[in-house]
């Protein structure tokens, strides 16, 4: 019959006994688990914020180039549009 190694019994004993070593081991395991969960979430949030900042910067760059083009053109209040009416024949 296969028996578990002695190290397994030692770890279980330290975890189950309310000693300082058991508490430290549980705290370390909990901290590692927290890091494994929190780091991907934080990196995802930072990536999303960076993406939004890049989008805003691209929009501002496009608006500034469009704005510089309209400043050099003639204002709309000084332009007249001529409209002529034409008869349209229908095929029905």
Protein backbone atom coordinates (compact mmCIF):
# COMPACT_ATOMS: atom_id res chain seq x y z
CA UNK A 1 0.00 0.00 0.00
CA UNK A 2 1.37 3.41 -0.97
CA UNK A 3 1.76 5.91 1.84
CA UNK A 4 2.10 9.66 1.19
CA UNK A 5 5.59 11.08 1.71
CA UNK A 6 6.49 12.52 5.09
CA UNK A 7 6.56 16.08 3.71
CA UNK A 8 2.82 15.85 2.92
CA UNK A 9 2.10 14.88 6.53
CA UNK A 10 4.33 17.69 7.77
CA UNK A 11 2.58 20.32 5.63
CA UNK A 12 -0.85 19.06 6.69
CA UNK A 13 0.20 19.10 10.33
CA UNK A 14 1.49 22.68 10.07
CA UNK A 15 -1.70 23.79 8.30
CA UNK A 16 -4.05 22.12 10.73
CA UNK A 17 -2.34 23.06 13.97
CA UNK A 18 -3.07 26.60 15.17
CA UNK A 19 0.58 27.56 15.39
CA UNK A 20 2.46 30.60 14.19
CA UNK A 21 4.03 28.55 11.39
CA UNK A 22 0.58 27.46 10.19
CA UNK A 23 -0.65 31.03 10.18
CA UNK A 24 2.41 32.26 8.28
CA UNK A 25 2.05 29.50 5.71
CA UNK A 26 -1.64 30.28 5.22
CA UNK A 27 -0.86 33.99 4.92
CA UNK A 28 1.79 33.30 2.27
CA UNK A 29 -0.54 31.04 0.29
CA UNK A 30 -3.32 33.64 0.54
CA UNK A 31 -0.95 36.41 -0.60
CA UNK A 32 0.21 34.39 -3.59
CA UNK A 33 -3.39 33.64 -4.54
CA UNK A 34 -4.27 37.33 -4.23
CA UNK A 35 -1.36 38.32 -6.46
CA UNK A 36 -2.29 35.70 -9.06
CA UNK A 37 -5.83 37.09 -9.21
CA UNK A 38 -5.13 40.81 -8.79
CA UNK A 39 -2.21 41.30 -11.20
CA UNK A 40 -4.10 40.25 -14.36
CA UNK A 41 -7.07 42.41 -13.36
CA UNK A 42 -4.85 45.44 -12.73
CA UNK A 43 -2.97 44.95 -16.00
CA UNK A 44 -6.26 44.63 -17.89
CA UNK A 45 -7.55 47.86 -16.35
CA UNK A 46 -4.33 49.73 -17.14
CA UNK A 47 -4.41 48.44 -20.71
CA UNK A 48 -8.00 49.60 -21.16
CA UNK A 49 -7.19 53.06 -19.76
CA UNK A 50 -4.16 53.31 -22.05
CA UNK A 51 -6.27 52.32 -25.06
CA UNK A 52 -8.86 54.99 -24.24
CA UNK A 53 -6.13 57.62 -23.85
CA UNK A 54 -4.68 56.67 -27.24
CA UNK A 55 -8.13 56.93 -28.83
CA UNK A 56 -8.70 60.38 -27.32
CA UNK A 57 -5.27 61.54 -28.49
CA UNK A 58 -5.98 60.28 -32.04
CA UNK A 59 -9.36 62.05 -32.08
CA UNK A 60 -7.79 65.29 -30.86
CA UNK A 61 -5.11 65.05 -33.55
CA UNK A 62 -7.75 64.52 -36.25
CA UNK A 63 -9.85 67.42 -34.98
CA UNK A 64 -6.87 69.77 -34.90
CA UNK A 65 -5.97 68.96 -38.51
CA UNK A 66 -9.60 69.42 -39.60
CA UNK A 67 -9.81 72.65 -37.60
CA UNK A 68 -6.71 74.07 -39.27
CA UNK A 69 -8.21 73.37 -42.71
CA UNK A 70 -11.49 75.13 -41.94
CA UNK A 71 -9.76 78.19 -40.52
CA UNK A 72 -8.08 78.91 -43.86
CA UNK A 73 -11.28 78.46 -45.91
CA UNK A 74 -14.03 81.02 -46.53
CA UNK A 75 -16.62 81.40 -43.74
CA UNK A 76 -20.05 79.94 -44.50
CA UNK A 77 -21.76 83.29 -43.93
CA UNK A 78 -19.96 84.75 -46.95
CA UNK A 79 -20.78 81.96 -49.40
CA UNK A 80 -23.82 81.86 -51.67
CA UNK A 81 -25.15 78.60 -53.10
CA UNK A 82 -27.07 78.80 -56.36
CA UNK A 83 -29.86 76.26 -56.74
CA UNK A 84 -31.60 75.61 -60.06
CA UNK A 85 -34.75 73.53 -60.44
CA UNK A 86 -34.93 70.77 -63.03
CA UNK A 87 -37.88 68.68 -64.19
CA UNK A 88 -37.46 64.98 -63.58
CA UNK A 89 -39.28 62.55 -65.87
CA UNK A 90 -40.61 59.43 -64.24
CA UNK A 91 -40.69 56.08 -66.04
CA UNK A 92 -43.86 54.77 -64.37
